[in-house]
């Protein structure tokens, strides 16, 4: 019995599961660079990513949620945010009564190193 090694688009959950099993198999036996196995591993990763993107899209995160997550990660408080964008604005943004302005996004990016696209 021969093994079919042809790569093809993933059109079903069964295709996805089979590709994922094969892809995960490379984790324990990493292919050497610039080999057929390395190319297959890379292409499988692209196919899996495309299938997930098409079938399980991730909604853009709400900027206020992103800001709260950044604050938790960096150990920042509402007072720290107020020091960057002003006290009344910090409260309004976190309560979703007001969106961040472009200038506020720039200030947060400059002070905390947060990518601007996460806050827009």
PDB file of N, CA and C in Angstrom:
ATOM      1  N   UNK A   1       0.846  -1.182   0.000  1.00  0.00           N
ATOM      2  CA  UNK A   1       0.000   0.000   0.000  1.00  0.00           C
ATOM      3  C   UNK A   1       0.889   1.241   0.000  1.00  0.00           C
ATOM      4  N   UNK A   2       0.605   2.179  -0.893  1.00  0.00           N
ATOM      5  CA  UNK A   2       1.407   3.399  -0.939  1.00  0.00           C
ATOM      6  C   UNK A   2       0.683   4.524  -0.214  1.00  0.00           C
ATOM      7  N   UNK A   3       1.459   5.418   0.320  1.00  0.00           N
ATOM      8  CA  UNK A   3       0.923   6.551   1.059  1.00  0.00           C
ATOM      9  C   UNK A   3       0.784   7.737   0.115  1.00  0.00           C
ATOM     10  N   UNK A   4      -0.406   8.333   0.064  1.00  0.00           N
ATOM     11  CA  UNK A   4      -0.641   9.507  -0.784  1.00  0.00           C
ATOM     12  C   UNK A   4      -0.092  10.736  -0.057  1.00  0.00           C
ATOM     13  N   UNK A   5       0.898  11.370  -0.642  1.00  0.00           N
ATOM     14  CA  UNK A   5       1.521  12.524   0.006  1.00  0.00           C
ATOM     15  C   UNK A   5       1.170  13.836  -0.690  1.00  0.00           C
ATOM     16  N   UNK A   6       0.167  13.812  -1.546  1.00  0.00           N
ATOM     17  CA  UNK A   6      -0.241  15.002  -2.274  1.00  0.00           C
ATOM     18  C   UNK A   6      -0.880  16.011  -1.321  1.00  0.00           C
ATOM     19  N   UNK A   7      -0.455  17.246  -1.404  1.00  0.00           N
ATOM     20  CA  UNK A   7      -1.091  18.308  -0.629  1.00  0.00           C
ATOM     21  C   UNK A   7      -2.239  18.875  -1.447  1.00  0.00           C
ATOM     22  N   UNK A   8      -3.312  19.185  -0.773  1.00  0.00           N
ATOM     23  CA  UNK A   8      -4.480  19.762  -1.442  1.00  0.00           C
ATOM     24  C   UNK A   8      -5.200  20.683  -0.457  1.00  0.00           C
ATOM     25  N   UNK A   9      -6.068  21.536  -0.961  1.00  0.00           N
ATOM     26  CA  UNK A   9      -6.808  22.427  -0.056  1.00  0.00           C
ATOM     27  C   UNK A   9      -7.599  21.623   0.980  1.00  0.00           C
ATOM     28  N   UNK A  10      -7.739  22.213   2.149  1.00  0.00           N
ATOM     29  CA  UNK A  10      -8.526  21.591   3.220  1.00  0.00           C
ATOM     30  C   UNK A  10      -9.969  22.037   3.048  1.00  0.00           C
ATOM     31  N   UNK A  11     -10.860  21.092   2.795  1.00  0.00           N
ATOM     32  CA  UNK A  11     -12.249  21.433   2.485  1.00  0.00           C
ATOM     33  C   UNK A  11     -13.239  20.967   3.560  1.00  0.00           C
ATOM     34  N   UNK A  12     -12.754  20.196   4.523  1.00  0.00           N
ATOM     35  CA  UNK A  12     -13.660  19.678   5.555  1.00  0.00           C
ATOM     36  C   UNK A  12     -12.908  19.562   6.877  1.00  0.00           C
ATOM     37  N   UNK A  13     -13.688  19.313   7.931  1.00  0.00           N
ATOM     38  CA  UNK A  13     -13.078  19.097   9.244  1.00  0.00           C
ATOM     39  C   UNK A  13     -12.181  17.859   9.212  1.00  0.00           C
ATOM     40  N   UNK A  14     -12.587  16.844   8.452  1.00  0.00           N
ATOM     41  CA  UNK A  14     -11.772  15.634   8.345  1.00  0.00           C
ATOM     42  C   UNK A  14     -10.429  15.950   7.688  1.00  0.00           C
ATOM     43  N   UNK A  15     -10.454  16.762   6.627  1.00  0.00           N
ATOM     44  CA  UNK A  15      -9.203  17.186   5.985  1.00  0.00           C
ATOM     45  C   UNK A  15      -8.341  17.961   6.974  1.00  0.00           C
ATOM     46  N   UNK A  16      -8.975  18.865   7.699  1.00  0.00           N
ATOM     47  CA  UNK A  16      -8.266  19.686   8.674  1.00  0.00           C
ATOM     48  C   UNK A  16      -7.634  18.807   9.749  1.00  0.00           C
ATOM     49  N   UNK A  17      -8.420  17.873  10.300  1.00  0.00           N
ATOM     50  CA  UNK A  17      -7.911  17.006  11.370  1.00  0.00           C
ATOM     51  C   UNK A  17      -6.731  16.163  10.895  1.00  0.00           C
ATOM     52  N   UNK A  18      -6.823  15.637   9.681  1.00  0.00           N
ATOM     53  CA  UNK A  18      -5.730  14.817   9.144  1.00  0.00           C
ATOM     54  C   UNK A  18      -4.466  15.664   8.960  1.00  0.00           C
ATOM     55  N   UNK A  19      -4.630  16.859   8.415  1.00  0.00           N
ATOM     56  CA  UNK A  19      -3.483  17.749   8.216  1.00  0.00           C
ATOM     57  C   UNK A  19      -2.882  18.163   9.558  1.00  0.00           C
ATOM     58  N   UNK A  20      -3.735  18.427  10.534  1.00  0.00           N
ATOM     59  CA  UNK A  20      -3.257  18.831  11.857  1.00  0.00           C
ATOM     60  C   UNK A  20      -2.463  17.696  12.520  1.00  0.00           C
ATOM     61  N   UNK A  21      -2.946  16.458  12.390  1.00  0.00           N
ATOM     62  CA  UNK A  21      -2.210  15.316  12.958  1.00  0.00           C
ATOM     63  C   UNK A  21      -0.823  15.211  12.322  1.00  0.00           C
ATOM     64  N   UNK A  22      -0.790  15.351  11.009  1.00  0.00           N
ATOM     65  CA  UNK A  22       0.502  15.269  10.327  1.00  0.00           C
ATOM     66  C   UNK A  22       1.402  16.423  10.766  1.00  0.00           C
ATOM     67  N   UNK A  23       0.853  17.622  10.831  1.00  0.00           N
ATOM     68  CA  UNK A  23       1.616  18.810  11.216  1.00  0.00           C
ATOM     69  C   UNK A  23       2.199  18.640  12.616  1.00  0.00           C
ATOM     70  N   UNK A  24       1.367  18.167  13.536  1.00  0.00           N
ATOM     71  CA  UNK A  24       1.822  17.978  14.915  1.00  0.00           C
ATOM     72  C   UNK A  24       2.902  16.901  15.007  1.00  0.00           C
ATOM     73  N   UNK A  25       2.890  15.952  14.083  1.00  0.00           N
ATOM     74  CA  UNK A  25       3.918  14.916  14.053  1.00  0.00           C
ATOM     75  C   UNK A  25       5.308  15.485  13.852  1.00  0.00           C
ATOM     76  N   UNK A  26       5.379  16.622  13.184  1.00  0.00           N
ATOM     77  CA  UNK A  26       6.677  17.265  12.954  1.00  0.00           C
ATOM     78  C   UNK A  26       7.232  17.905  14.234  1.00  0.00           C
ATOM     79  N   UNK A  27       6.384  18.120  15.238  1.00  0.00           N
ATOM     80  CA  UNK A  27       6.861  18.744  16.469  1.00  0.00           C
ATOM     81  C   UNK A  27       7.889  17.861  17.170  1.00  0.00           C
ATOM     82  N   UNK A  28       7.668  16.549  17.146  1.00  0.00           N
ATOM     83  CA  UNK A  28       8.587  15.621  17.803  1.00  0.00           C
ATOM     84  C   UNK A  28       9.776  15.257  16.921  1.00  0.00           C
ATOM     85  N   UNK A  29       9.641  15.470  15.627  1.00  0.00           N
ATOM     86  CA  UNK A  29      10.692  15.100  14.684  1.00  0.00           C
ATOM     87  C   UNK A  29      10.852  16.256  13.693  1.00  0.00           C
ATOM     88  N   UNK A  30      11.453  17.339  14.171  1.00  0.00           N
ATOM     89  CA  UNK A  30      11.569  18.554  13.362  1.00  0.00           C
ATOM     90  C   UNK A  30      12.406  18.302  12.109  1.00  0.00           C
ATOM     91  N   UNK A  31      11.856  18.678  10.955  1.00  0.00           N
ATOM     92  CA  UNK A  31      12.592  18.435   9.707  1.00  0.00           C
ATOM     93  C   UNK A  31      13.803  19.359   9.572  1.00  0.00           C
ATOM     94  N   UNK A  32      14.807  18.873   8.887  1.00  0.00           N
ATOM     95  CA  UNK A  32      15.993  19.684   8.612  1.00  0.00           C
ATOM     96  C   UNK A  32      15.617  20.770   7.599  1.00  0.00           C
ATOM     97  N   UNK A  33      16.167  21.979   7.728  1.00  0.00           N
ATOM     98  CA  UNK A  33      15.858  23.075   6.798  1.00  0.00           C
ATOM     99  C   UNK A  33      16.172  22.689   5.346  1.00  0.00           C
ATOM    100  N   UNK A  34      15.420  23.268   4.453  1.00  0.00           N
ATOM    101  CA  UNK A  34      15.607  23.095   3.006  1.00  0.00           C
ATOM    102  C   UNK A  34      15.507  21.648   2.544  1.00  0.00           C
ATOM    103  N   UNK A  35      14.602  20.905   3.181  1.00  0.00           N
ATOM    104  CA  UNK A  35      14.318  19.540   2.750  1.00  0.00           C
ATOM    105  C   UNK A  35      12.856  19.465   2.339  1.00  0.00           C
ATOM    106  N   UNK A  36      12.487  18.415   1.654  1.00  0.00           N
ATOM    107  CA  UNK A  36      11.089  18.230   1.257  1.00  0.00           C
ATOM    108  C   UNK A  36      10.186  18.209   2.489  1.00  0.00           C
ATOM    109  N   UNK A  37      10.651  17.568   3.565  1.00  0.00           N
ATOM    110  CA  UNK A  37       9.860  17.517   4.798  1.00  0.00           C
ATOM    111  C   UNK A  37       9.669  18.915   5.378  1.00  0.00           C
ATOM    112  N   UNK A  38      10.690  19.742   5.343  1.00  0.00           N
ATOM    113  CA  UNK A  38      10.584  21.113   5.857  1.00  0.00           C
ATOM    114  C   UNK A  38       9.596  21.919   5.025  1.00  0.00           C
ATOM    115  N   UNK A  39       9.644  21.741   3.706  1.00  0.00           N
ATOM    116  CA  UNK A  39       8.706  22.450   2.826  1.00  0.00           C
ATOM    117  C   UNK A  39       7.276  21.983   3.088  1.00  0.00           C
ATOM    118  N   UNK A  40       7.105  20.678   3.266  1.00  0.00           N
ATOM    119  CA  UNK A  40       5.773  20.128   3.532  1.00  0.00           C
ATOM    120  C   UNK A  40       5.242  20.681   4.860  1.00  0.00           C
ATOM    121  N   UNK A  41       6.097  20.707   5.872  1.00  0.00           N
ATOM    122  CA  UNK A  41       5.718  21.239   7.178  1.00  0.00           C
ATOM    123  C   UNK A  41       5.238  22.684   7.048  1.00  0.00           C
ATOM    124  N   UNK A  42       5.984  23.485   6.303  1.00  0.00           N
ATOM    125  CA  UNK A  42       5.619  24.892   6.116  1.00  0.00           C
ATOM    126  C   UNK A  42       4.300  25.034   5.365  1.00  0.00           C
ATOM    127  N   UNK A  43       4.125  24.273   4.308  1.00  0.00           N
ATOM    128  CA  UNK A  43       2.895  24.363   3.516  1.00  0.00           C
ATOM    129  C   UNK A  43       1.699  23.860   4.321  1.00  0.00           C
ATOM    130  N   UNK A  44       1.876  22.802   5.094  1.00  0.00           N
ATOM    131  CA  UNK A  44       0.790  22.327   5.958  1.00  0.00           C
ATOM    132  C   UNK A  44       0.370  23.426   6.942  1.00  0.00           C
ATOM    133  N   UNK A  45       1.353  24.115   7.513  1.00  0.00           N
ATOM    134  CA  UNK A  45       1.040  25.214   8.432  1.00  0.00           C
ATOM    135  C   UNK A  45       0.225  26.302   7.760  1.00  0.00           C
ATOM    136  N   UNK A  46       0.574  26.620   6.526  1.00  0.00           N
ATOM    137  CA  UNK A  46      -0.178  27.640   5.781  1.00  0.00           C
ATOM    138  C   UNK A  46      -1.593  27.170   5.479  1.00  0.00           C
ATOM    139  N   UNK A  47      -1.733  25.914   5.089  1.00  0.00           N
ATOM    140  CA  UNK A  47      -3.068  25.367   4.811  1.00  0.00           C
ATOM    141  C   UNK A  47      -3.934  25.373   6.069  1.00  0.00           C
ATOM    142  N   UNK A  48      -3.360  24.960   7.178  1.00  0.00           N
ATOM    143  CA  UNK A  48      -4.100  24.949   8.443  1.00  0.00           C
ATOM    144  C   UNK A  48      -4.514  26.362   8.850  1.00  0.00           C
ATOM    145  N   UNK A  49      -3.601  27.313   8.729  1.00  0.00           N
ATOM    146  CA  UNK A  49      -3.898  28.702   9.093  1.00  0.00           C
ATOM    147  C   UNK A  49      -5.014  29.265   8.216  1.00  0.00           C
ATOM    148  N   UNK A  50      -4.966  28.974   6.930  1.00  0.00           N
ATOM    149  CA  UNK A  50      -6.000  29.459   6.006  1.00  0.00           C
ATOM    150  C   UNK A  50      -7.357  28.856   6.356  1.00  0.00           C
ATOM    151  N   UNK A  51      -7.391  27.568   6.642  1.00  0.00           N
ATOM    152  CA  UNK A  51      -8.652  26.920   7.003  1.00  0.00           C
ATOM    153  C   UNK A  51      -9.221  27.549   8.279  1.00  0.00           C
ATOM    154  N   UNK A  52      -8.371  27.739   9.285  1.00  0.00           N
ATOM    155  CA  UNK A  52      -8.832  28.341  10.538  1.00  0.00           C
ATOM    156  C   UNK A  52      -9.320  29.769  10.316  1.00  0.00           C
ATOM    157  N   UNK A  53      -8.608  30.514   9.504  1.00  0.00           N
ATOM    158  CA  UNK A  53      -8.999  31.896   9.204  1.00  0.00           C
ATOM    159  C   UNK A  53     -10.366  31.938   8.526  1.00  0.00           C
ATOM    160  N   UNK A  54     -10.607  31.012   7.600  1.00  0.00           N
ATOM    161  CA  UNK A  54     -11.865  30.978   6.864  1.00  0.00           C
ATOM    162  C   UNK A  54     -13.030  30.437   7.683  1.00  0.00           C
ATOM    163  N   UNK A  55     -12.765  29.463   8.555  1.00  0.00           N
ATOM    164  CA  UNK A  55     -13.842  28.781   9.268  1.00  0.00           C
ATOM    165  C   UNK A  55     -14.017  29.213  10.719  1.00  0.00           C
ATOM    166  N   UNK A  56     -13.008  29.807  11.299  1.00  0.00           N
ATOM    167  CA  UNK A  56     -13.073  30.240  12.695  1.00  0.00           C
ATOM    168  C   UNK A  56     -12.495  31.650  12.825  1.00  0.00           C
ATOM    169  N   UNK A  57     -13.104  32.625  12.155  1.00  0.00           N
ATOM    170  CA  UNK A  57     -12.537  33.978  12.207  1.00  0.00           C
ATOM    171  C   UNK A  57     -12.575  34.543  13.626  1.00  0.00           C
ATOM    172  N   UNK A  58     -11.552  35.299  13.930  1.00  0.00           N
ATOM    173  CA  UNK A  58     -11.478  35.958  15.235  1.00  0.00           C
ATOM    174  C   UNK A  58     -11.933  37.398  15.039  1.00  0.00           C
ATOM    175  N   UNK A  59     -12.928  37.784  15.801  1.00  0.00           N
ATOM    176  CA  UNK A  59     -13.416  39.155  15.714  1.00  0.00           C
ATOM    177  C   UNK A  59     -12.366  40.106  16.252  1.00  0.00           C
ATOM    178  N   UNK A  60     -12.291  41.286  15.660  1.00  0.00           N
ATOM    179  CA  UNK A  60     -11.354  42.263  16.219  1.00  0.00           C
ATOM    180  C   UNK A  60     -11.722  42.556  17.669  1.00  0.00           C
ATOM    181  N   UNK A  61     -10.718  42.692  18.498  1.00  0.00           N
ATOM    182  CA  UNK A  61     -10.952  42.945  19.911  1.00  0.00           C
ATOM    183  C   UNK A  61     -11.389  44.385  20.105  1.00  0.00           C
ATOM    184  N   UNK A  62     -12.297  44.577  21.025  1.00  0.00           N
ATOM    185  CA  UNK A  62     -12.741  45.907  21.399  1.00  0.00           C
ATOM    186  C   UNK A  62     -11.547  46.663  21.982  1.00  0.00           C
ATOM    187  N   UNK A  63     -11.299  47.911  21.541  1.00  0.00           N
ATOM    188  CA  UNK A  63     -10.144  48.658  22.052  1.00  0.00           C
ATOM    189  C   UNK A  63     -10.119  48.787  23.577  1.00  0.00           C
ATOM    190  N   UNK A  64     -11.292  48.945  24.206  1.00  0.00           N
ATOM    191  CA  UNK A  64     -11.315  49.050  25.674  1.00  0.00           C
ATOM    192  C   UNK A  64     -10.882  47.729  26.304  1.00  0.00           C
ATOM    193  N   UNK A  65     -11.325  46.596  25.725  1.00  0.00           N
ATOM    194  CA  UNK A  65     -10.892  45.293  26.237  1.00  0.00           C
ATOM    195  C   UNK A  65      -9.390  45.116  26.050  1.00  0.00           C
ATOM    196  N   UNK A  66      -8.890  45.545  24.895  1.00  0.00           N
ATOM    197  CA  UNK A  66      -7.452  45.449  24.623  1.00  0.00           C
ATOM    198  C   UNK A  66      -6.678  46.290  25.635  1.00  0.00           C
ATOM    199  N   UNK A  67      -7.179  47.470  25.927  1.00  0.00           N
ATOM    200  CA  UNK A  67      -6.514  48.354  26.884  1.00  0.00           C
ATOM    201  C   UNK A  67      -6.502  47.733  28.277  1.00  0.00           C
ATOM    202  N   UNK A  68      -7.618  47.159  28.694  1.00  0.00           N
ATOM    203  CA  UNK A  68      -7.686  46.503  30.004  1.00  0.00           C
ATOM    204  C   UNK A  68      -6.696  45.338  30.064  1.00  0.00           C
ATOM    205  N   UNK A  69      -6.636  44.558  28.986  1.00  0.00           N
ATOM    206  CA  UNK A  69      -5.701  43.432  28.942  1.00  0.00           C
ATOM    207  C   UNK A  69      -4.254  43.916  29.043  1.00  0.00           C
ATOM    208  N   UNK A  70      -3.927  44.987  28.334  1.00  0.00           N
ATOM    209  CA  UNK A  70      -2.573  45.556  28.398  1.00  0.00           C
ATOM    210  C   UNK A  70      -2.277  46.027  29.815  1.00  0.00           C
ATOM    211  N   UNK A  71      -3.242  46.697  30.411  1.00  0.00           N
ATOM    212  CA  UNK A  71      -3.042  47.207  31.770  1.00  0.00           C
ATOM    213  C   UNK A  71      -2.787  46.058  32.747  1.00  0.00           C
ATOM    214  N   UNK A  72      -3.556  44.976  32.622  1.00  0.00           N
ATOM    215  CA  UNK A  72      -3.362  43.825  33.511  1.00  0.00           C
ATOM    216  C   UNK A  72      -1.993  43.198  33.293  1.00  0.00           C
ATOM    217  N   UNK A  73      -1.607  43.056  32.029  1.00  0.00           N
ATOM    218  CA  UNK A  73      -0.325  42.444  31.695  1.00  0.00           C
ATOM    219  C   UNK A  73       0.840  43.263  32.216  1.00  0.00           C
ATOM    220  N   UNK A  74       0.728  44.583  32.107  1.00  0.00           N
ATOM    221  CA  UNK A  74       1.824  45.469  32.508  1.00  0.00           C
ATOM    222  C   UNK A  74       1.726  45.913  33.962  1.00  0.00           C
ATOM    223  N   UNK A  75       0.685  45.465  34.667  1.00  0.00           N
ATOM    224  CA  UNK A  75       0.519  45.856  36.067  1.00  0.00           C
ATOM    225  C   UNK A  75       0.136  47.321  36.223  1.00  0.00           C
ATOM    226  N   UNK A  76      -0.577  47.849  35.253  1.00  0.00           N
ATOM    227  CA  UNK A  76      -0.991  49.257  35.281  1.00  0.00           C
ATOM    228  C   UNK A  76      -2.393  49.380  35.876  1.00  0.00           C
ATOM    229  N   UNK A  77      -2.661  50.534  36.444  1.00  0.00           N
ATOM    230  CA  UNK A  77      -3.969  50.809  37.040  1.00  0.00           C
ATOM    231  C   UNK A  77      -4.651  51.936  36.271  1.00  0.00           C
ATOM    232  N   UNK A  78      -5.891  52.200  36.635  1.00  0.00           N
ATOM    233  CA  UNK A  78      -6.610  53.308  36.022  1.00  0.00           C
ATOM    234  C   UNK A  78      -5.878  54.621  36.307  1.00  0.00           C
ATOM    235  N   UNK A  79      -5.258  54.724  37.458  1.00  0.00           N
ATOM    236  CA  UNK A  79      -4.476  55.918  37.787  1.00  0.00           C
ATOM    237  C   UNK A  79      -3.290  56.072  36.846  1.00  0.00           C
ATOM    238  N   UNK A  80      -2.659  54.958  36.498  1.00  0.00           N
ATOM    239  CA  UNK A  80      -1.544  55.001  35.550  1.00  0.00           C
ATOM    240  C   UNK A  80      -2.034  55.470  34.181  1.00  0.00           C
ATOM    241  N   UNK A  81      -3.199  54.969  33.783  1.00  0.00           N
ATOM    242  CA  UNK A  81      -3.769  55.400  32.508  1.00  0.00           C
ATOM    243  C   UNK A  81      -4.122  56.887  32.563  1.00  0.00           C
ATOM    244  N   UNK A  82      -4.662  57.325  33.687  1.00  0.00           N
ATOM    245  CA  UNK A  82      -5.014  58.741  33.853  1.00  0.00           C
ATOM    246  C   UNK A  82      -3.779  59.630  33.734  1.00  0.00           C
ATOM    247  N   UNK A  83      -2.644  59.140  34.199  1.00  0.00           N
ATOM    248  CA  UNK A  83      -1.404  59.914  34.088  1.00  0.00           C
ATOM    249  C   UNK A  83      -0.990  60.079  32.626  1.00  0.00           C
ATOM    250  N   UNK A  84      -1.409  59.167  31.771  1.00  0.00           N
ATOM    251  CA  UNK A  84      -1.046  59.225  30.355  1.00  0.00           C
ATOM    252  C   UNK A  84      -2.054  60.033  29.549  1.00  0.00           C
ATOM    253  N   UNK A  85      -3.353  59.797  29.777  1.00  0.00           N
ATOM    254  CA  UNK A  85      -4.370  60.458  28.921  1.00  0.00           C
ATOM    255  C   UNK A  85      -5.292  61.407  29.674  1.00  0.00           C
ATOM    256  N   UNK A  86      -5.128  61.517  30.979  1.00  0.00           N
ATOM    257  CA  UNK A  86      -5.984  62.412  31.760  1.00  0.00           C
ATOM    258  C   UNK A  86      -7.036  61.627  32.532  1.00  0.00           C
ATOM    259  N   UNK A  87      -7.329  62.116  33.750  1.00  0.00           N
ATOM    260  CA  UNK A  87      -8.224  61.384  34.655  1.00  0.00           C
ATOM    261  C   UNK A  87      -9.638  61.195  34.125  1.00  0.00           C
ATOM    262  N   UNK A  88     -10.310  62.249  33.690  1.00  0.00           N
ATOM    263  CA  UNK A  88     -11.690  62.006  33.260  1.00  0.00           C
ATOM    264  C   UNK A  88     -11.752  61.088  32.036  1.00  0.00           C
ATOM    265  N   UNK A  89     -10.795  61.239  31.125  1.00  0.00           N
ATOM    266  CA  UNK A  89     -10.786  60.426  29.898  1.00  0.00           C
ATOM    267  C   UNK A  89     -10.538  58.960  30.205  1.00  0.00           C
ATOM    268  N   UNK A  90      -9.632  58.679  31.131  1.00  0.00           N
ATOM    269  CA  UNK A  90      -9.314  57.290  31.480  1.00  0.00           C
ATOM    270  C   UNK A  90     -10.568  56.579  31.970  1.00  0.00           C
ATOM    271  N   UNK A  91     -11.294  57.207  32.839  1.00  0.00           N
ATOM    272  CA  UNK A  91     -12.521  56.620  33.369  1.00  0.00           C
ATOM    273  C   UNK A  91     -13.556  56.412  32.265  1.00  0.00           C
ATOM    274  N   UNK A  92     -13.734  57.422  31.424  1.00  0.00           N
ATOM    275  CA  UNK A  92     -14.721  57.329  30.345  1.00  0.00           C
ATOM    276  C   UNK A  92     -14.362  56.241  29.336  1.00  0.00           C
ATOM    277  N   UNK A  93     -13.091  56.107  29.025  1.00  0.00           N
ATOM    278  CA  UNK A  93     -12.646  55.082  28.066  1.00  0.00           C
ATOM    279  C   UNK A  93     -12.874  53.693  28.646  1.00  0.00           C
ATOM    280  N   UNK A  94     -12.483  53.495  29.894  1.00  0.00           N
ATOM    281  CA  UNK A  94     -12.633  52.178  30.507  1.00  0.00           C
ATOM    282  C   UNK A  94     -14.094  51.800  30.715  1.00  0.00           C
ATOM    283  N   UNK A  95     -14.961  52.787  30.877  1.00  0.00           N
ATOM    284  CA  UNK A  95     -16.404  52.522  31.021  1.00  0.00           C
ATOM    285  C   UNK A  95     -17.116  52.496  29.667  1.00  0.00           C
ATOM    286  N   UNK A  96     -16.344  52.665  28.593  1.00  0.00           N
ATOM    287  CA  UNK A  96     -16.855  52.649  27.212  1.00  0.00           C
ATOM    288  C   UNK A  96     -17.847  53.782  26.927  1.00  0.00           C
ATOM    289  N   UNK A  97     -17.657  54.876  27.638  1.00  0.00           N
ATOM    290  CA  UNK A  97     -18.479  56.056  27.376  1.00  0.00           C
ATOM    291  C   UNK A  97     -17.836  56.940  26.313  1.00  0.00           C
ATOM    292  N   UNK A  98     -16.552  56.706  26.062  1.00  0.00           N
ATOM    293  CA  UNK A  98     -15.813  57.488  25.076  1.00  0.00           C
ATOM    294  C   UNK A  98     -14.729  56.593  24.472  1.00  0.00           C
ATOM    295  N   UNK A  99     -14.500  56.780  23.186  1.00  0.00           N
ATOM    296  CA  UNK A  99     -13.428  56.034  22.509  1.00  0.00           C
ATOM    297  C   UNK A  99     -12.110  56.767  22.685  1.00  0.00           C
ATOM    298  N   UNK A 100     -11.027  56.039  22.519  1.00  0.00           N
ATOM    299  CA  UNK A 100      -9.715  56.667  22.538  1.00  0.00           C
ATOM    300  C   UNK A 100      -9.561  57.535  21.294  1.00  0.00           C
ATOM    301  N   UNK A 101      -9.009  58.718  21.475  1.00  0.00           N
ATOM    302  CA  UNK A 101      -8.700  59.566  20.328  1.00  0.00           C
ATOM    303  C   UNK A 101      -7.371  59.089  19.740  1.00  0.00           C
ATOM    304  N   UNK A 102      -7.091  59.524  18.544  1.00  0.00           N
ATOM    305  CA  UNK A 102      -5.832  59.163  17.908  1.00  0.00           C
ATOM    306  C   UNK A 102      -4.647  59.667  18.740  1.00  0.00           C
ATOM    307  N   UNK A 103      -4.766  60.850  19.299  1.00  0.00           N
ATOM    308  CA  UNK A 103      -3.697  61.398  20.144  1.00  0.00           C
ATOM    309  C   UNK A 103      -3.507  60.548  21.401  1.00  0.00           C
ATOM    310  N   UNK A 104      -4.596  60.081  21.997  1.00  0.00           N
ATOM    311  CA  UNK A 104      -4.493  59.232  23.180  1.00  0.00           C
ATOM    312  C   UNK A 104      -3.827  57.892  22.839  1.00  0.00           C
ATOM    313  N   UNK A 105      -4.171  57.348  21.673  1.00  0.00           N
ATOM    314  CA  UNK A 105      -3.533  56.109  21.222  1.00  0.00           C
ATOM    315  C   UNK A 105      -2.032  56.336  21.079  1.00  0.00           C
ATOM    316  N   UNK A 106      -1.662  57.461  20.494  1.00  0.00           N
ATOM    317  CA  UNK A 106      -0.236  57.789  20.342  1.00  0.00           C
ATOM    318  C   UNK A 106       0.453  57.905  21.707  1.00  0.00           C
ATOM    319  N   UNK A 107      -0.227  58.546  22.651  1.00  0.00           N
ATOM    320  CA  UNK A 107       0.356  58.709  23.983  1.00  0.00           C
ATOM    321  C   UNK A 107       0.564  57.358  24.670  1.00  0.00           C
ATOM    322  N   UNK A 108      -0.433  56.482  24.583  1.00  0.00           N
ATOM    323  CA  UNK A 108      -0.321  55.160  25.205  1.00  0.00           C
ATOM    324  C   UNK A 108       0.788  54.356  24.529  1.00  0.00           C
ATOM    325  N   UNK A 109       0.841  54.462  23.212  1.00  0.00           N
ATOM    326  CA  UNK A 109       1.894  53.754  22.471  1.00  0.00           C
ATOM    327  C   UNK A 109       3.276  54.241  22.905  1.00  0.00           C
ATOM    328  N   UNK A 110       3.429  55.538  23.026  1.00  0.00           N
ATOM    329  CA  UNK A 110       4.724  56.112  23.399  1.00  0.00           C
ATOM    330  C   UNK A 110       5.102  55.753  24.836  1.00  0.00           C
ATOM    331  N   UNK A 111       4.152  55.809  25.744  1.00  0.00           N
ATOM    332  CA  UNK A 111       4.441  55.575  27.169  1.00  0.00           C
ATOM    333  C   UNK A 111       4.566  54.090  27.516  1.00  0.00           C
ATOM    334  N   UNK A 112       3.695  53.268  26.941  1.00  0.00           N
ATOM    335  CA  UNK A 112       3.625  51.863  27.348  1.00  0.00           C
ATOM    336  C   UNK A 112       4.093  50.891  26.268  1.00  0.00           C
ATOM    337  N   UNK A 113       4.381  51.388  25.074  1.00  0.00           N
ATOM    338  CA  UNK A 113       4.840  50.512  24.010  1.00  0.00           C
ATOM    339  C   UNK A 113       3.778  49.593  23.443  1.00  0.00           C
ATOM    340  N   UNK A 114       2.524  50.015  23.507  1.00  0.00           N
ATOM    341  CA  UNK A 114       1.406  49.212  22.995  1.00  0.00           C
ATOM    342  C   UNK A 114       1.233  49.514  21.512  1.00  0.00           C
ATOM    343  N   UNK A 115       1.141  48.484  20.653  1.00  0.00           N
ATOM    344  CA  UNK A 115       0.903  48.744  19.233  1.00  0.00           C
ATOM    345  C   UNK A 115      -0.397  49.510  19.033  1.00  0.00           C
ATOM    346  N   UNK A 116      -0.333  50.538  18.212  1.00  0.00           N
ATOM    347  CA  UNK A 116      -1.509  51.392  17.984  1.00  0.00           C
ATOM    348  C   UNK A 116      -2.679  50.601  17.426  1.00  0.00           C
ATOM    349  N   UNK A 117      -2.432  49.636  16.553  1.00  0.00           N
ATOM    350  CA  UNK A 117      -3.546  48.898  15.951  1.00  0.00           C
ATOM    351  C   UNK A 117      -4.345  48.106  16.962  1.00  0.00           C
ATOM    352  N   UNK A 118      -3.782  47.794  18.117  1.00  0.00           N
ATOM    353  CA  UNK A 118      -4.532  47.087  19.161  1.00  0.00           C
ATOM    354  C   UNK A 118      -5.543  48.005  19.835  1.00  0.00           C
ATOM    355  N   UNK A 119      -5.331  49.305  19.731  1.00  0.00           N
ATOM    356  CA  UNK A 119      -6.188  50.258  20.440  1.00  0.00           C
ATOM    357  C   UNK A 119      -7.159  51.013  19.519  1.00  0.00           C
ATOM    358  N   UNK A 120      -7.091  50.729  18.227  1.00  0.00           N
ATOM    359  CA  UNK A 120      -7.956  51.456  17.278  1.00  0.00           C
ATOM    360  C   UNK A 120      -9.148  50.600  16.919  1.00  0.00           C
TER     361      UNK A 120
END
